[in-house]
Amino acid sequence: MDIIDLHDPSRVNRQPDKVEVLFNSGDFEEQGILVKHVELRLYIEKNDEKLGPFSLITSFVQTDKGSVEMIYDEGFRGNDSLNRAVQFLVSNLGLSALILRSIITLKGHIDD
């Protein structure tokens, strides 16, 4: 089961402009689901002369039950938006919250 949790899934219907892998060991279990891979993906949707790039940053979590891609952040965040998002996640225990949110979403779709 692959879930794209966005109002408009076509926004991520292409290769991301940049990807940062946060977890790739495949041996982390949360609520009975094996987490295999976690990454943040950057999609540049447009460029404004004054505000710079409009970034859509999604989280992608791959598990033994399927994958979930959902919005992490979006907006005019500057040229280094993905790196700043990664630094924030790893320095503030945000990775566990991101995984838990994805597992809850996945379980909600499995139960339906």
N, C-alpha and C. Protein backbone atom coordinates (compact mmCIF):
# COMPACT_ATOMS: atom_id res chain seq x y z
N MET A 1 0.85 -1.18 0.00
CA MET A 1 0.00 0.00 0.00
C MET A 1 0.89 1.24 0.00
N ASP A 2 0.71 2.08 -0.99
CA ASP A 2 1.46 3.33 -1.08
C ASP A 2 0.48 4.48 -0.93
N ILE A 3 0.74 5.34 0.04
CA ILE A 3 -0.16 6.45 0.35
C ILE A 3 0.54 7.76 0.08
N ILE A 4 -0.11 8.62 -0.67
CA ILE A 4 0.36 9.99 -0.85
C ILE A 4 -0.68 10.87 -0.16
N ASP A 5 -0.31 11.39 1.00
CA ASP A 5 -1.24 12.14 1.84
C ASP A 5 -1.11 13.64 1.56
N LEU A 6 -1.60 14.05 0.39
CA LEU A 6 -1.60 15.44 -0.04
C LEU A 6 -2.98 15.74 -0.63
N HIS A 7 -3.42 16.98 -0.53
CA HIS A 7 -4.69 17.35 -1.16
C HIS A 7 -4.61 17.20 -2.67
N ASP A 8 -3.44 17.46 -3.24
CA ASP A 8 -3.23 17.34 -4.68
C ASP A 8 -1.99 16.47 -4.93
N PRO A 9 -2.18 15.15 -5.05
CA PRO A 9 -1.05 14.24 -5.23
C PRO A 9 -0.21 14.52 -6.48
N SER A 10 -0.75 15.25 -7.45
CA SER A 10 0.02 15.54 -8.66
C SER A 10 1.23 16.43 -8.36
N ARG A 11 1.24 17.07 -7.21
CA ARG A 11 2.38 17.92 -6.84
C ARG A 11 3.67 17.12 -6.69
N VAL A 12 3.55 15.83 -6.41
CA VAL A 12 4.74 14.98 -6.25
C VAL A 12 4.79 13.90 -7.33
N ASN A 13 4.19 14.18 -8.45
CA ASN A 13 4.11 13.23 -9.55
C ASN A 13 5.34 13.34 -10.46
N ARG A 14 6.49 13.53 -9.88
CA ARG A 14 7.76 13.63 -10.62
C ARG A 14 8.90 13.33 -9.66
N GLN A 15 10.09 13.26 -10.20
CA GLN A 15 11.27 13.05 -9.35
C GLN A 15 11.50 14.29 -8.49
N PRO A 16 11.82 14.12 -7.21
CA PRO A 16 12.13 15.29 -6.38
C PRO A 16 13.39 16.00 -6.88
N ASP A 17 13.47 17.28 -6.57
CA ASP A 17 14.67 18.05 -6.94
C ASP A 17 15.86 17.68 -6.07
N LYS A 18 15.58 17.25 -4.84
CA LYS A 18 16.65 16.85 -3.93
C LYS A 18 16.06 15.92 -2.87
N VAL A 19 16.86 14.98 -2.40
CA VAL A 19 16.43 14.02 -1.39
C VAL A 19 17.50 13.92 -0.31
N GLU A 20 17.08 13.90 0.94
CA GLU A 20 18.00 13.66 2.06
C GLU A 20 17.50 12.44 2.83
N VAL A 21 18.32 11.40 2.88
CA VAL A 21 17.98 10.17 3.60
C VAL A 21 18.26 10.38 5.09
N LEU A 22 17.26 10.08 5.91
CA LEU A 22 17.39 10.25 7.36
C LEU A 22 17.58 8.93 8.09
N PHE A 23 17.09 7.85 7.49
CA PHE A 23 17.15 6.54 8.13
C PHE A 23 17.09 5.49 7.03
N ASN A 24 17.98 4.50 7.10
CA ASN A 24 18.00 3.51 6.02
C ASN A 24 18.43 2.13 6.50
N SER A 25 18.28 1.82 7.78
CA SER A 25 18.78 0.54 8.26
C SER A 25 17.74 -0.56 8.25
N GLY A 26 16.46 -0.21 8.23
CA GLY A 26 15.41 -1.20 8.10
C GLY A 26 15.17 -2.08 9.30
N ASP A 27 15.63 -1.68 10.47
CA ASP A 27 15.45 -2.54 11.64
C ASP A 27 14.80 -1.82 12.82
N PHE A 28 13.97 -0.85 12.53
CA PHE A 28 13.27 -0.09 13.57
C PHE A 28 11.79 -0.46 13.51
N GLU A 29 11.25 -0.90 14.65
CA GLU A 29 9.85 -1.28 14.68
C GLU A 29 9.05 -0.30 15.52
N GLU A 30 7.91 0.11 14.99
CA GLU A 30 7.00 1.01 15.68
C GLU A 30 5.59 0.46 15.55
N GLN A 31 4.96 0.15 16.66
CA GLN A 31 3.59 -0.36 16.70
C GLN A 31 3.39 -1.57 15.79
N GLY A 32 4.38 -2.45 15.77
CA GLY A 32 4.28 -3.68 14.98
C GLY A 32 4.58 -3.51 13.50
N ILE A 33 5.03 -2.34 13.10
CA ILE A 33 5.37 -2.08 11.70
C ILE A 33 6.87 -1.83 11.61
N LEU A 34 7.52 -2.51 10.68
CA LEU A 34 8.96 -2.37 10.49
C LEU A 34 9.25 -1.19 9.58
N VAL A 35 9.95 -0.19 10.10
CA VAL A 35 10.34 0.99 9.32
C VAL A 35 11.65 0.68 8.62
N LYS A 36 11.64 0.81 7.30
CA LYS A 36 12.81 0.45 6.50
C LYS A 36 13.62 1.66 6.04
N HIS A 37 12.94 2.76 5.73
CA HIS A 37 13.62 3.89 5.09
C HIS A 37 12.83 5.17 5.36
N VAL A 38 13.54 6.26 5.67
CA VAL A 38 12.91 7.56 5.90
C VAL A 38 13.73 8.62 5.17
N GLU A 39 13.04 9.49 4.45
CA GLU A 39 13.74 10.59 3.77
C GLU A 39 12.86 11.82 3.69
N LEU A 40 13.49 12.95 3.49
CA LEU A 40 12.79 14.18 3.15
C LEU A 40 13.04 14.45 1.68
N ARG A 41 12.00 14.89 0.98
CA ARG A 41 12.09 15.16 -0.45
C ARG A 41 11.74 16.62 -0.70
N LEU A 42 12.52 17.25 -1.55
CA LEU A 42 12.30 18.65 -1.91
C LEU A 42 11.80 18.74 -3.34
N TYR A 43 10.68 19.43 -3.50
CA TYR A 43 10.13 19.73 -4.83
C TYR A 43 10.06 21.25 -4.94
N ILE A 44 10.81 21.83 -5.86
CA ILE A 44 10.72 23.27 -6.12
C ILE A 44 9.56 23.46 -7.09
N GLU A 45 8.53 24.19 -6.64
CA GLU A 45 7.34 24.33 -7.46
C GLU A 45 7.35 25.59 -8.32
N LYS A 46 8.00 26.62 -7.86
CA LYS A 46 8.11 27.84 -8.66
C LYS A 46 9.19 28.73 -8.07
N ASN A 47 9.58 29.75 -8.82
CA ASN A 47 10.57 30.71 -8.36
C ASN A 47 9.99 32.11 -8.49
N ASP A 48 10.09 32.87 -7.44
CA ASP A 48 9.63 34.26 -7.44
C ASP A 48 10.86 35.16 -7.41
N GLU A 49 10.84 36.23 -8.19
CA GLU A 49 12.00 37.12 -8.25
C GLU A 49 12.37 37.69 -6.89
N LYS A 50 11.38 38.04 -6.09
CA LYS A 50 11.65 38.64 -4.78
C LYS A 50 11.75 37.62 -3.66
N LEU A 51 10.89 36.62 -3.67
CA LEU A 51 10.81 35.67 -2.56
C LEU A 51 11.68 34.43 -2.73
N GLY A 52 12.12 34.17 -3.94
CA GLY A 52 12.95 32.99 -4.19
C GLY A 52 12.11 31.76 -4.50
N PRO A 53 12.68 30.58 -4.26
CA PRO A 53 11.98 29.34 -4.61
C PRO A 53 10.85 29.02 -3.64
N PHE A 54 9.75 28.49 -4.20
CA PHE A 54 8.66 27.96 -3.38
C PHE A 54 8.93 26.48 -3.22
N SER A 55 9.19 26.05 -2.00
CA SER A 55 9.57 24.67 -1.71
C SER A 55 8.42 23.87 -1.14
N LEU A 56 8.22 22.69 -1.67
CA LEU A 56 7.36 21.68 -1.06
C LEU A 56 8.30 20.61 -0.54
N ILE A 57 8.31 20.43 0.78
CA ILE A 57 9.14 19.40 1.40
C ILE A 57 8.20 18.33 1.93
N THR A 58 8.42 17.10 1.48
CA THR A 58 7.60 15.99 1.95
C THR A 58 8.47 15.00 2.73
N SER A 59 7.81 14.27 3.61
CA SER A 59 8.47 13.15 4.26
C SER A 59 8.04 11.89 3.53
N PHE A 60 8.95 10.95 3.40
CA PHE A 60 8.66 9.67 2.78
C PHE A 60 9.14 8.59 3.73
N VAL A 61 8.20 7.74 4.17
CA VAL A 61 8.52 6.66 5.10
C VAL A 61 8.11 5.35 4.45
N GLN A 62 9.09 4.46 4.30
CA GLN A 62 8.84 3.15 3.70
C GLN A 62 8.86 2.11 4.81
N THR A 63 7.83 1.25 4.84
CA THR A 63 7.72 0.21 5.85
C THR A 63 7.46 -1.14 5.20
N ASP A 64 7.36 -2.16 6.03
CA ASP A 64 7.02 -3.49 5.51
C ASP A 64 5.54 -3.58 5.12
N LYS A 65 4.74 -2.60 5.49
CA LYS A 65 3.30 -2.59 5.16
C LYS A 65 2.96 -1.62 4.04
N GLY A 66 3.94 -0.85 3.55
CA GLY A 66 3.72 0.12 2.50
C GLY A 66 4.49 1.39 2.78
N SER A 67 4.24 2.41 1.97
CA SER A 67 4.95 3.68 2.14
C SER A 67 3.95 4.82 2.28
N VAL A 68 4.44 5.89 2.91
CA VAL A 68 3.62 7.09 3.12
C VAL A 68 4.46 8.30 2.73
N GLU A 69 3.90 9.15 1.87
CA GLU A 69 4.53 10.44 1.56
C GLU A 69 3.53 11.52 1.95
N MET A 70 3.98 12.47 2.77
CA MET A 70 3.09 13.53 3.23
C MET A 70 3.85 14.85 3.34
N ILE A 71 3.11 15.93 3.35
CA ILE A 71 3.73 17.26 3.46
C ILE A 71 4.42 17.41 4.80
N TYR A 72 5.66 17.86 4.76
CA TYR A 72 6.38 18.22 5.97
C TYR A 72 6.36 19.75 6.13
N ASP A 73 6.64 20.47 5.04
CA ASP A 73 6.68 21.93 5.07
C ASP A 73 6.53 22.44 3.64
N GLU A 74 6.06 23.66 3.52
CA GLU A 74 5.99 24.28 2.20
C GLU A 74 5.99 25.79 2.35
N GLY A 75 6.47 26.45 1.32
CA GLY A 75 6.48 27.90 1.31
C GLY A 75 7.78 28.44 0.73
N PHE A 76 7.90 29.75 0.81
CA PHE A 76 9.13 30.42 0.36
C PHE A 76 10.12 30.34 1.51
N ARG A 77 10.95 29.32 1.51
CA ARG A 77 11.85 29.02 2.63
C ARG A 77 13.32 29.28 2.31
N GLY A 78 13.61 29.85 1.16
CA GLY A 78 15.00 30.14 0.81
C GLY A 78 15.66 29.01 0.05
N ASN A 79 16.93 29.21 -0.28
CA ASN A 79 17.66 28.26 -1.12
C ASN A 79 18.10 27.00 -0.39
N ASP A 80 18.18 27.02 0.93
CA ASP A 80 18.69 25.88 1.69
C ASP A 80 17.60 25.25 2.55
N SER A 81 16.37 25.25 2.06
CA SER A 81 15.23 24.83 2.87
C SER A 81 15.31 23.36 3.30
N LEU A 82 15.74 22.48 2.42
CA LEU A 82 15.79 21.06 2.76
C LEU A 82 16.82 20.80 3.84
N ASN A 83 18.00 21.36 3.70
CA ASN A 83 19.04 21.15 4.71
C ASN A 83 18.61 21.69 6.07
N ARG A 84 17.96 22.84 6.11
CA ARG A 84 17.48 23.39 7.38
C ARG A 84 16.41 22.50 8.01
N ALA A 85 15.55 21.93 7.18
CA ALA A 85 14.51 21.03 7.68
C ALA A 85 15.14 19.77 8.27
N VAL A 86 16.14 19.22 7.60
CA VAL A 86 16.84 18.04 8.10
C VAL A 86 17.51 18.35 9.43
N GLN A 87 18.21 19.46 9.51
CA GLN A 87 18.89 19.83 10.75
C GLN A 87 17.91 20.00 11.90
N PHE A 88 16.76 20.60 11.63
CA PHE A 88 15.75 20.77 12.65
C PHE A 88 15.24 19.41 13.14
N LEU A 89 14.95 18.52 12.21
CA LEU A 89 14.44 17.19 12.58
C LEU A 89 15.42 16.41 13.46
N VAL A 90 16.66 16.36 13.06
CA VAL A 90 17.62 15.52 13.78
C VAL A 90 18.08 16.15 15.09
N SER A 91 17.94 17.45 15.24
CA SER A 91 18.39 18.08 16.48
C SER A 91 17.27 18.28 17.50
N ASN A 92 16.02 18.00 17.11
CA ASN A 92 14.89 18.24 18.01
C ASN A 92 13.99 17.02 18.18
N LEU A 93 14.51 15.84 18.01
CA LEU A 93 13.74 14.60 18.15
C LEU A 93 12.53 14.55 17.22
N GLY A 94 12.59 15.29 16.13
CA GLY A 94 11.48 15.32 15.20
C GLY A 94 11.35 14.07 14.36
N LEU A 95 12.43 13.31 14.23
CA LEU A 95 12.39 12.10 13.41
C LEU A 95 11.40 11.09 13.97
N SER A 96 11.39 10.90 15.28
CA SER A 96 10.45 9.95 15.87
C SER A 96 9.01 10.40 15.68
N ALA A 97 8.75 11.69 15.79
CA ALA A 97 7.40 12.21 15.57
C ALA A 97 6.98 12.03 14.12
N LEU A 98 7.89 12.26 13.20
CA LEU A 98 7.60 12.08 11.78
C LEU A 98 7.26 10.62 11.47
N ILE A 99 8.02 9.69 12.04
CA ILE A 99 7.75 8.26 11.83
C ILE A 99 6.41 7.88 12.45
N LEU A 100 6.14 8.34 13.66
CA LEU A 100 4.88 8.02 14.32
C LEU A 100 3.68 8.54 13.53
N ARG A 101 3.78 9.77 13.05
CA ARG A 101 2.70 10.35 12.25
C ARG A 101 2.45 9.52 10.99
N SER A 102 3.51 9.05 10.35
CA SER A 102 3.38 8.22 9.15
C SER A 102 2.77 6.87 9.48
N ILE A 103 3.16 6.28 10.59
CA ILE A 103 2.61 4.98 11.01
C ILE A 103 1.11 5.11 11.30
N ILE A 104 0.72 6.18 11.97
CA ILE A 104 -0.70 6.42 12.26
C ILE A 104 -1.48 6.54 10.96
N THR A 105 -0.95 7.28 10.00
CA THR A 105 -1.61 7.43 8.70
C THR A 105 -1.73 6.08 7.99
N LEU A 106 -0.65 5.31 7.98
CA LEU A 106 -0.64 4.00 7.34
C LEU A 106 -1.65 3.07 8.01
N LYS A 107 -1.64 3.03 9.33
CA LYS A 107 -2.59 2.16 10.04
C LYS A 107 -4.03 2.57 9.77
N GLY A 108 -4.29 3.86 9.66
CA GLY A 108 -5.63 4.32 9.34
C GLY A 108 -6.11 3.81 7.99
N HIS A 109 -5.21 3.73 7.03
CA HIS A 109 -5.58 3.22 5.70
C HIS A 109 -5.69 1.69 5.71
N ILE A 110 -4.87 1.02 6.49
CA ILE A 110 -4.92 -0.44 6.58
C ILE A 110 -6.24 -0.87 7.22
N ASP A 111 -6.67 -0.15 8.26
CA ASP A 111 -7.89 -0.50 9.00
C ASP A 111 -9.16 -0.24 8.19
N ASP A 112 -9.07 0.65 7.18
CA ASP A 112 -10.26 0.99 6.39
C ASP A 112 -10.66 -0.07 5.44
